[in-house]
Amino acid sequence: AAASVKGSIIYEQPLHERMRLFMRLEVLMHRFDHSLQHDS
C-alpha cells in the first residue's frame, strides 16, 4: 500500500538502516511478482 490509498499518493521515508533494507526488499519483491504475472 505504499503507492496510493483512496485518491492519495504516499511518500515514505525510513528513519534507520534496518527499515531502509526492509522497504527496499518489499518494493523489489512486489516488482518481481508484478513482472512474473506476464508471459512474454
All heavy atoms as atom14 arrays in JSON, in Angstrom:
{
  "sequence": "AAASVKGSIIYEQPLHERMRLFMRLEVLMHRFDHSLQHDS",
  "atom14_mask": [
    [1, 1, 1, 1, 1, 0, 0, 0, 0, 0, 0, 0, 0, 0],
    [1, 1, 1, 1, 1, 0, 0, 0, 0, 0, 0, 0, 0, 0],
    [1, 1, 1, 1, 1, 0, 0, 0, 0, 0, 0, 0, 0, 0],
    [1, 1, 1, 1, 1, 1, 0, 0, 0, 0, 0, 0, 0, 0],
    [1, 1, 1, 1, 1, 1, 1, 0, 0, 0, 0, 0, 0, 0],
    [1, 1, 1, 1, 1, 1, 1, 1, 1, 0, 0, 0, 0, 0],
    [1, 1, 1, 1, 0, 0, 0, 0, 0, 0, 0, 0, 0, 0],
    [1, 1, 1, 1, 1, 1, 0, 0, 0, 0, 0, 0, 0, 0],
    [1, 1, 1, 1, 1, 1, 1, 1, 0, 0, 0, 0, 0, 0],
    [1, 1, 1, 1, 1, 1, 1, 1, 0, 0, 0, 0, 0, 0],
    [1, 1, 1, 1, 1, 1, 1, 1, 1, 1, 1, 1, 0, 0],
    [1, 1, 1, 1, 1, 1, 1, 1, 1, 0, 0, 0, 0, 0],
    [1, 1, 1, 1, 1, 1, 1, 1, 1, 0, 0, 0, 0, 0],
    [1, 1, 1, 1, 1, 1, 1, 0, 0, 0, 0, 0, 0, 0],
    [1, 1, 1, 1, 1, 1, 1, 1, 0, 0, 0, 0, 0, 0],
    [1, 1, 1, 1, 1, 1, 1, 1, 1, 1, 0, 0, 0, 0],
    [1, 1, 1, 1, 1, 1, 1, 1, 1, 0, 0, 0, 0, 0],
    [1, 1, 1, 1, 1, 1, 1, 1, 1, 1, 1, 0, 0, 0],
    [1, 1, 1, 1, 1, 1, 1, 1, 0, 0, 0, 0, 0, 0],
    [1, 1, 1, 1, 1, 1, 1, 1, 1, 1, 1, 0, 0, 0],
    [1, 1, 1, 1, 1, 1, 1, 1, 0, 0, 0, 0, 0, 0],
    [1, 1, 1, 1, 1, 1, 1, 1, 1, 1, 1, 0, 0, 0],
    [1, 1, 1, 1, 1, 1, 1, 1, 0, 0, 0, 0, 0, 0],
    [1, 1, 1, 1, 1, 1, 1, 1, 1, 1, 1, 0, 0, 0],
    [1, 1, 1, 1, 1, 1, 1, 1, 0, 0, 0, 0, 0, 0],
    [1, 1, 1, 1, 1, 1, 1, 1, 1, 0, 0, 0, 0, 0],
    [1, 1, 1, 1, 1, 1, 1, 0, 0, 0, 0, 0, 0, 0],
    [1, 1, 1, 1, 1, 1, 1, 1, 0, 0, 0, 0, 0, 0],
    [1, 1, 1, 1, 1, 1, 1, 1, 0, 0, 0, 0, 0, 0],
    [1, 1, 1, 1, 1, 1, 1, 1, 1, 1, 0, 0, 0, 0],
    [1, 1, 1, 1, 1, 1, 1, 1, 1, 1, 1, 0, 0, 0],
    [1, 1, 1, 1, 1, 1, 1, 1, 1, 1, 1, 0, 0, 0],
    [1, 1, 1, 1, 1, 1, 1, 1, 0, 0, 0, 0, 0, 0],
    [1, 1, 1, 1, 1, 1, 1, 1, 1, 1, 0, 0, 0, 0],
    [1, 1, 1, 1, 1, 1, 0, 0, 0, 0, 0, 0, 0, 0],
    [1, 1, 1, 1, 1, 1, 1, 1, 0, 0, 0, 0, 0, 0],
    [1, 1, 1, 1, 1, 1, 1, 1, 1, 0, 0, 0, 0, 0],
    [1, 1, 1, 1, 1, 1, 1, 1, 1, 1, 0, 0, 0, 0],
    [1, 1, 1, 1, 1, 1, 1, 1, 0, 0, 0, 0, 0, 0],
    [1, 1, 1, 1, 1, 1, 0, 0, 0, 0, 0, 0, 0, 0]
  ],
  "atom14_positions": [
    [[0.81, -1.22, 0.0], [0.0, 0.0, 0.0], [0.84, 1.26, 0.0], [0.38, 2.31, 0.41], [-0.9, -0.01, 1.24], [0.0, 0.0, 0.0], [0.0, 0.0, 0.0], [0.0, 0.0, 0.0], [0.0, 0.0, 0.0], [0.0, 0.0, 0.0], [0.0, 0.0, 0.0], [0.0, 0.0, 0.0], [0.0, 0.0, 0.0], [0.0, 0.0, 0.0]],
    [[2.08, 1.17, -0.45], [2.95, 2.34, -0.39], [2.71, 3.33, -1.52], [3.19, 4.44, -1.48], [4.42, 1.9, -0.41], [0.0, 0.0, 0.0], [0.0, 0.0, 0.0], [0.0, 0.0, 0.0], [0.0, 0.0, 0.0], [0.0, 0.0, 0.0], [0.0, 0.0, 0.0], [0.0, 0.0, 0.0], [0.0, 0.0, 0.0], [0.0, 0.0, 0.0]],
    [[1.99, 2.92, -2.57], [1.85, 3.8, -3.73], [0.7, 4.78, -3.58], [0.89, 5.98, -3.56], [1.67, 2.95, -4.98], [0.0, 0.0, 0.0], [0.0, 0.0, 0.0], [0.0, 0.0, 0.0], [0.0, 0.0, 0.0], [0.0, 0.0, 0.0], [0.0, 0.0, 0.0], [0.0, 0.0, 0.0], [0.0, 0.0, 0.0], [0.0, 0.0, 0.0]],
    [[-0.52, 4.3, -3.47], [-1.65, 5.21, -3.36], [-2.76, 4.6, -2.53], [-2.95, 3.39, -2.51], [-2.2, 5.55, -4.75], [-2.65, 4.39, -5.4], [0.0, 0.0, 0.0], [0.0, 0.0, 0.0], [0.0, 0.0, 0.0], [0.0, 0.0, 0.0], [0.0, 0.0, 0.0], [0.0, 0.0, 0.0], [0.0, 0.0, 0.0], [0.0, 0.0, 0.0]],
    [[-3.46, 5.43, -1.79], [-4.56, 4.99, -0.93], [-5.69, 6.01, -1.03], [-5.51, 7.17, -0.71], [-4.12, 4.86, 0.54], [-5.3, 4.49, 1.41], [-3.02, 3.81, 0.68], [0.0, 0.0, 0.0], [0.0, 0.0, 0.0], [0.0, 0.0, 0.0], [0.0, 0.0, 0.0], [0.0, 0.0, 0.0], [0.0, 0.0, 0.0], [0.0, 0.0, 0.0]],
    [[-6.84, 5.57, -1.53], [-8.05, 6.41, -1.58], [-7.78, 7.78, -2.19], [-8.03, 8.82, -1.58], [-8.65, 6.54, -0.18], [-9.16, 5.23, 0.39], [-9.79, 5.42, 1.77], [-10.31, 4.09, 2.32], [-10.89, 4.25, 3.68], [0.0, 0.0, 0.0], [0.0, 0.0, 0.0], [0.0, 0.0, 0.0], [0.0, 0.0, 0.0], [0.0, 0.0, 0.0]],
    [[-7.24, 7.81, -3.38], [-7.03, 9.06, -4.08], [-5.79, 9.82, -3.69], [-5.59, 10.95, -4.14], [0.0, 0.0, 0.0], [0.0, 0.0, 0.0], [0.0, 0.0, 0.0], [0.0, 0.0, 0.0], [0.0, 0.0, 0.0], [0.0, 0.0, 0.0], [0.0, 0.0, 0.0], [0.0, 0.0, 0.0], [0.0, 0.0, 0.0], [0.0, 0.0, 0.0]],
    [[-4.95, 9.23, -2.83], [-3.72, 9.91, -2.41], [-2.51, 9.09, -2.81], [-2.59, 7.87, -2.97], [-3.71, 10.11, -0.89], [-4.76, 10.94, -0.47], [0.0, 0.0, 0.0], [0.0, 0.0, 0.0], [0.0, 0.0, 0.0], [0.0, 0.0, 0.0], [0.0, 0.0, 0.0], [0.0, 0.0, 0.0], [0.0, 0.0, 0.0], [0.0, 0.0, 0.0]],
    [[-1.4, 9.77, -2.97], [-0.13, 9.08, -3.16], [0.7, 9.28, -1.9], [0.77, 10.38, -1.35], [0.62, 9.61, -4.41], [1.94, 8.86, -4.59], [0.85, 11.11, -4.34], [2.6, 9.1, -5.93], [0.0, 0.0, 0.0], [0.0, 0.0, 0.0], [0.0, 0.0, 0.0], [0.0, 0.0, 0.0], [0.0, 0.0, 0.0], [0.0, 0.0, 0.0]],
    [[1.29, 8.19, -1.41], [2.01, 8.21, -0.14], [3.51, 8.13, -0.39], [3.98, 7.27, -1.13], [1.55, 7.06, 0.77], [0.08, 7.23, 1.15], [2.42, 6.99, 2.03], [-0.47, 6.12, 2.0], [0.0, 0.0, 0.0], [0.0, 0.0, 0.0], [0.0, 0.0, 0.0], [0.0, 0.0, 0.0], [0.0, 0.0, 0.0], [0.0, 0.0, 0.0]],
    [[4.24, 9.04, 0.24], [5.7, 9.05, 0.18], [6.22, 8.62, 1.55], [5.82, 9.18, 2.58], [6.21, 10.45, -0.15], [5.71, 10.98, -1.47], [4.48, 11.63, -1.57], [6.47, 10.84, -2.63], [4.02, 12.12, -2.78], [6.03, 11.33, -3.85], [4.8, 11.96, -3.92], [4.34, 12.45, -5.12], [0.0, 0.0, 0.0], [0.0, 0.0, 0.0]],
    [[7.1, 7.63, 1.57], [7.6, 7.1, 2.83], [9.1, 7.33, 2.96], [9.84, 7.19, 2.0], [7.31, 5.6, 2.93], [5.83, 5.27, 2.96], [5.55, 3.79, 3.11], [6.34, 2.97, 2.58], [4.54, 3.44, 3.74], [0.0, 0.0, 0.0], [0.0, 0.0, 0.0], [0.0, 0.0, 0.0], [0.0, 0.0, 0.0], [0.0, 0.0, 0.0]],
    [[9.52, 7.67, 4.17], [10.93, 7.89, 4.47], [11.34, 7.0, 5.64], [10.89, 7.2, 6.77], [11.19, 9.36, 4.81], [12.62, 9.67, 5.22], [13.58, 9.54, 4.05], [13.24, 9.86, 2.92], [14.79, 9.07, 4.32], [0.0, 0.0, 0.0], [0.0, 0.0, 0.0], [0.0, 0.0, 0.0], [0.0, 0.0, 0.0], [0.0, 0.0, 0.0]],
    [[12.21, 5.99, 5.41], [12.71, 5.19, 6.54], [13.67, 6.01, 7.37], [14.38, 6.88, 6.85], [13.42, 4.02, 5.84], [13.83, 4.57, 4.51], [12.77, 5.56, 4.12], [0.0, 0.0, 0.0], [0.0, 0.0, 0.0], [0.0, 0.0, 0.0], [0.0, 0.0, 0.0], [0.0, 0.0, 0.0], [0.0, 0.0, 0.0], [0.0, 0.0, 0.0]],
    [[13.69, 5.73, 8.68], [14.49, 6.54, 9.58], [15.74, 5.84, 10.1], [16.48, 6.41, 10.88], [13.63, 7.03, 10.75], [12.48, 7.96, 10.34], [11.66, 8.37, 11.55], [13.01, 9.18, 9.6], [0.0, 0.0, 0.0], [0.0, 0.0, 0.0], [0.0, 0.0, 0.0], [0.0, 0.0, 0.0], [0.0, 0.0, 0.0], [0.0, 0.0, 0.0]],
    [[15.95, 4.6, 9.7], [17.21, 3.94, 10.01], [17.45, 2.81, 9.02], [16.59, 2.47, 8.21], [17.28, 3.43, 11.46], [16.14, 2.57, 11.87], [16.02, 1.24, 11.47], [15.05, 2.82, 12.63], [14.93, 0.73, 11.99], [14.32, 1.66, 12.68], [0.0, 0.0, 0.0], [0.0, 0.0, 0.0], [0.0, 0.0, 0.0], [0.0, 0.0, 0.0]],
    [[18.64, 2.24, 9.07], [19.1, 1.33, 8.02], [18.25, 0.06, 7.93], [18.02, -0.46, 6.83], [20.57, 0.96, 8.26], [21.25, 0.33, 7.06], [21.23, 1.22, 5.83], [21.38, 2.45, 5.97], [21.05, 0.67, 4.72], [0.0, 0.0, 0.0], [0.0, 0.0, 0.0], [0.0, 0.0, 0.0], [0.0, 0.0, 0.0], [0.0, 0.0, 0.0]],
    [[17.79, -0.45, 9.05], [17.0, -1.68, 9.01], [15.69, -1.47, 8.26], [15.3, -2.29, 7.44], [16.72, -2.18, 10.43], [16.0, -3.51, 10.48], [15.75, -3.95, 11.92], [17.0, -4.26, 12.59], [17.1, -4.45, 13.91], [16.02, -4.33, 14.68], [18.25, -4.76, 14.46], [0.0, 0.0, 0.0], [0.0, 0.0, 0.0], [0.0, 0.0, 0.0]],
    [[15.02, -0.35, 8.53], [13.79, -0.05, 7.81], [14.06, 0.15, 6.33], [13.28, -0.25, 5.47], [13.12, 1.2, 8.4], [12.38, 1.0, 9.69], [11.04, -0.21, 9.56], [11.82, -1.65, 10.31], [0.0, 0.0, 0.0], [0.0, 0.0, 0.0], [0.0, 0.0, 0.0], [0.0, 0.0, 0.0], [0.0, 0.0, 0.0], [0.0, 0.0, 0.0]],
    [[15.19, 0.79, 6.03], [15.56, 1.02, 4.63], [15.72, -0.32, 3.91], [15.25, -0.49, 2.78], [16.85, 1.83, 4.58], [17.18, 2.4, 3.22], [18.36, 3.37, 3.31], [17.96, 4.61, 3.96], [18.37, 4.99, 5.16], [19.22, 4.24, 5.84], [17.96, 6.13, 5.7], [0.0, 0.0, 0.0], [0.0, 0.0, 0.0], [0.0, 0.0, 0.0]],
    [[16.36, -1.29, 4.56], [16.54, -2.62, 3.98], [15.2, -3.3, 3.74], [14.93, -3.81, 2.64], [17.4, -3.47, 4.91], [17.5, -4.96, 4.58], [18.19, -5.17, 3.24], [18.24, -5.7, 5.7], [0.0, 0.0, 0.0], [0.0, 0.0, 0.0], [0.0, 0.0, 0.0], [0.0, 0.0, 0.0], [0.0, 0.0, 0.0], [0.0, 0.0, 0.0]],
    [[14.33, -3.28, 4.74], [13.04, -3.97, 4.61], [12.16, -3.32, 3.53], [11.49, -4.01, 2.77], [12.29, -3.95, 5.95], [12.96, -4.75, 7.04], [12.59, -4.6, 8.37], [13.97, -5.66, 6.74], [13.19, -5.34, 9.37], [14.59, -6.4, 7.74], [14.2, -6.23, 9.07], [0.0, 0.0, 0.0], [0.0, 0.0, 0.0], [0.0, 0.0, 0.0]],
    [[12.18, -1.99, 3.48], [11.34, -1.31, 2.49], [11.85, -1.55, 1.07], [11.07, -1.68, 0.13], [11.28, 0.18, 2.82], [10.48, 0.47, 4.08], [10.64, 2.18, 4.69], [9.76, 3.06, 3.41], [0.0, 0.0, 0.0], [0.0, 0.0, 0.0], [0.0, 0.0, 0.0], [0.0, 0.0, 0.0], [0.0, 0.0, 0.0], [0.0, 0.0, 0.0]],
    [[13.16, -1.61, 0.9], [13.71, -1.92, -0.42], [13.35, -3.35, -0.82], [13.0, -3.62, -1.98], [15.23, -1.73, -0.41], [15.62, -0.26, -0.48], [17.12, -0.07, -0.36], [17.47, 1.34, -0.6], [18.57, 1.92, -0.19], [19.47, 1.21, 0.49], [18.82, 3.19, -0.45], [0.0, 0.0, 0.0], [0.0, 0.0, 0.0], [0.0, 0.0, 0.0]],
    [[13.44, -4.29, 0.12], [13.05, -5.66, -0.17], [11.58, -5.73, -0.57], [11.22, -6.45, -1.51], [13.29, -6.54, 1.06], [14.64, -7.24, 1.17], [14.75, -7.96, 2.51], [14.84, -8.21, 0.02], [0.0, 0.0, 0.0], [0.0, 0.0, 0.0], [0.0, 0.0, 0.0], [0.0, 0.0, 0.0], [0.0, 0.0, 0.0], [0.0, 0.0, 0.0]],
    [[10.73, -5.01, 0.14], [9.3, -5.02, -0.16], [9.04, -4.55, -1.58], [8.27, -5.17, -2.34], [8.57, -4.12, 0.84], [7.07, -4.04, 0.59], [6.39, -3.01, 1.48], [6.87, -1.85, 1.55], [5.38, -3.35, 2.11], [0.0, 0.0, 0.0], [0.0, 0.0, 0.0], [0.0, 0.0, 0.0], [0.0, 0.0, 0.0], [0.0, 0.0, 0.0]],
    [[9.68, -3.45, -1.98], [9.5, -2.91, -3.32], [9.98, -3.9, -4.37], [9.29, -4.16, -5.37], [10.23, -1.56, -3.47], [10.31, -1.14, -4.93], [9.52, -0.48, -2.66], [0.0, 0.0, 0.0], [0.0, 0.0, 0.0], [0.0, 0.0, 0.0], [0.0, 0.0, 0.0], [0.0, 0.0, 0.0], [0.0, 0.0, 0.0], [0.0, 0.0, 0.0]],
    [[11.14, -4.49, -4.16], [11.7, -5.42, -5.14], [10.85, -6.68, -5.25], [10.63, -7.19, -6.36], [13.14, -5.77, -4.76], [14.17, -4.65, -4.93], [15.52, -5.07, -4.38], [14.28, -4.23, -6.38], [0.0, 0.0, 0.0], [0.0, 0.0, 0.0], [0.0, 0.0, 0.0], [0.0, 0.0, 0.0], [0.0, 0.0, 0.0], [0.0, 0.0, 0.0]],
    [[10.35, -7.19, -4.14], [9.52, -8.39, -4.19], [8.21, -8.11, -4.92], [7.7, -8.96, -5.66], [9.27, -8.94, -2.78], [10.5, -9.58, -2.16], [10.19, -10.48, -0.61], [9.9, -9.1, 0.51], [0.0, 0.0, 0.0], [0.0, 0.0, 0.0], [0.0, 0.0, 0.0], [0.0, 0.0, 0.0], [0.0, 0.0, 0.0], [0.0, 0.0, 0.0]],
    [[7.68, -6.91, -4.74], [6.46, -6.54, -5.47], [6.74, -6.44, -6.96], [5.95, -6.91, -7.79], [5.92, -5.22, -4.93], [4.79, -4.66, -5.73], [3.71, -5.41, -6.13], [4.58, -3.41, -6.23], [2.89, -4.67, -6.83], [3.39, -3.45, -6.92], [0.0, 0.0, 0.0], [0.0, 0.0, 0.0], [0.0, 0.0, 0.0], [0.0, 0.0, 0.0]],
    [[7.86, -5.83, -7.34], [8.2, -5.73, -8.75], [8.4, -7.11, -9.37], [7.97, -7.36, -10.5], [9.48, -4.91, -8.92], [9.31, -3.42, -8.66], [10.64, -2.7, -8.83], [10.54, -1.3, -8.45], [11.58, -0.48, -8.32], [12.8, -0.95, -8.53], [11.41, 0.79, -7.97], [0.0, 0.0, 0.0], [0.0, 0.0, 0.0], [0.0, 0.0, 0.0]],
    [[9.07, -7.99, -8.64], [9.28, -9.35, -9.13], [7.94, -10.02, -9.39], [7.71, -10.62, -10.45], [10.08, -10.14, -8.09], [10.31, -11.58, -8.45], [11.38, -11.94, -9.23], [9.45, -12.57, -7.99], [11.6, -13.28, -9.57], [9.65, -13.89, -8.31], [10.73, -14.26, -9.1], [0.0, 0.0, 0.0], [0.0, 0.0, 0.0], [0.0, 0.0, 0.0]],
    [[7.04, -9.92, -8.43], [5.72, -10.53, -8.56], [4.95, -9.95, -9.73], [4.3, -10.66, -10.51], [4.94, -10.34, -7.26], [3.61, -11.07, -7.26], [3.57, -12.22, -7.73], [2.61, -10.48, -6.82], [0.0, 0.0, 0.0], [0.0, 0.0, 0.0], [0.0, 0.0, 0.0], [0.0, 0.0, 0.0], [0.0, 0.0, 0.0], [0.0, 0.0, 0.0]],
    [[5.03, -8.62, -9.88], [4.3, -7.94, -10.96], [4.77, -8.42, -12.33], [3.96, -8.74, -13.2], [4.46, -6.43, -10.84], [3.76, -5.66, -11.91], [2.4, -5.4, -11.87], [4.22, -5.08, -13.05], [2.05, -4.72, -12.94], [3.13, -4.52, -13.68], [0.0, 0.0, 0.0], [0.0, 0.0, 0.0], [0.0, 0.0, 0.0], [0.0, 0.0, 0.0]],
    [[6.07, -8.48, -12.52], [6.6, -8.93, -13.81], [6.28, -10.4, -14.06], [6.03, -10.82, -15.2], [8.12, -8.73, -13.86], [8.46, -7.37, -13.77], [0.0, 0.0, 0.0], [0.0, 0.0, 0.0], [0.0, 0.0, 0.0], [0.0, 0.0, 0.0], [0.0, 0.0, 0.0], [0.0, 0.0, 0.0], [0.0, 0.0, 0.0], [0.0, 0.0, 0.0]],
    [[6.24, -11.18, -13.0], [6.0, -12.61, -13.13], [4.57, -12.92, -13.55], [4.27, -14.03, -14.0], [6.31, -13.3, -11.8], [6.76, -14.77, -11.86], [8.07, -14.89, -12.62], [6.9, -15.33, -10.46], [0.0, 0.0, 0.0], [0.0, 0.0, 0.0], [0.0, 0.0, 0.0], [0.0, 0.0, 0.0], [0.0, 0.0, 0.0], [0.0, 0.0, 0.0]],
    [[3.68, -11.96, -13.4], [2.28, -12.17, -13.8], [2.14, -12.26, -15.32], [1.15, -12.79, -15.82], [1.42, -11.01, -13.3], [1.34, -10.87, -11.8], [0.61, -9.61, -11.39], [-0.22, -9.1, -12.14], [0.94, -9.07, -10.23], [0.0, 0.0, 0.0], [0.0, 0.0, 0.0], [0.0, 0.0, 0.0], [0.0, 0.0, 0.0], [0.0, 0.0, 0.0]],
    [[3.12, -11.74, -16.05], [3.01, -11.65, -17.5], [3.88, -12.7, -18.17], [4.79, -13.26, -17.57], [3.39, -10.24, -17.95], [2.59, -9.17, -17.26], [1.26, -8.93, -17.55], [2.92, -8.31, -16.26], [0.8, -7.95, -16.78], [1.79, -7.56, -15.99], [0.0, 0.0, 0.0], [0.0, 0.0, 0.0], [0.0, 0.0, 0.0], [0.0, 0.0, 0.0]],
    [[3.58, -12.96, -19.44], [4.11, -14.15, -20.09], [5.27, -13.94, -21.05], [5.95, -14.9, -21.42], [2.99, -14.86, -20.88], [1.82, -15.28, -19.99], [2.04, -15.39, -18.77], [0.71, -15.47, -20.52], [0.0, 0.0, 0.0], [0.0, 0.0, 0.0], [0.0, 0.0, 0.0], [0.0, 0.0, 0.0], [0.0, 0.0, 0.0], [0.0, 0.0, 0.0]],
    [[5.52, -12.74, -21.5], [6.49, -12.53, -22.57], [7.93, -12.66, -22.07], [8.21, -12.57, -20.86], [6.3, -11.15, -23.2], [6.74, -10.14, -22.31], [0.0, 0.0, 0.0], [0.0, 0.0, 0.0], [0.0, 0.0, 0.0], [0.0, 0.0, 0.0], [0.0, 0.0, 0.0], [0.0, 0.0, 0.0], [0.0, 0.0, 0.0], [0.0, 0.0, 0.0]]
  ]
}
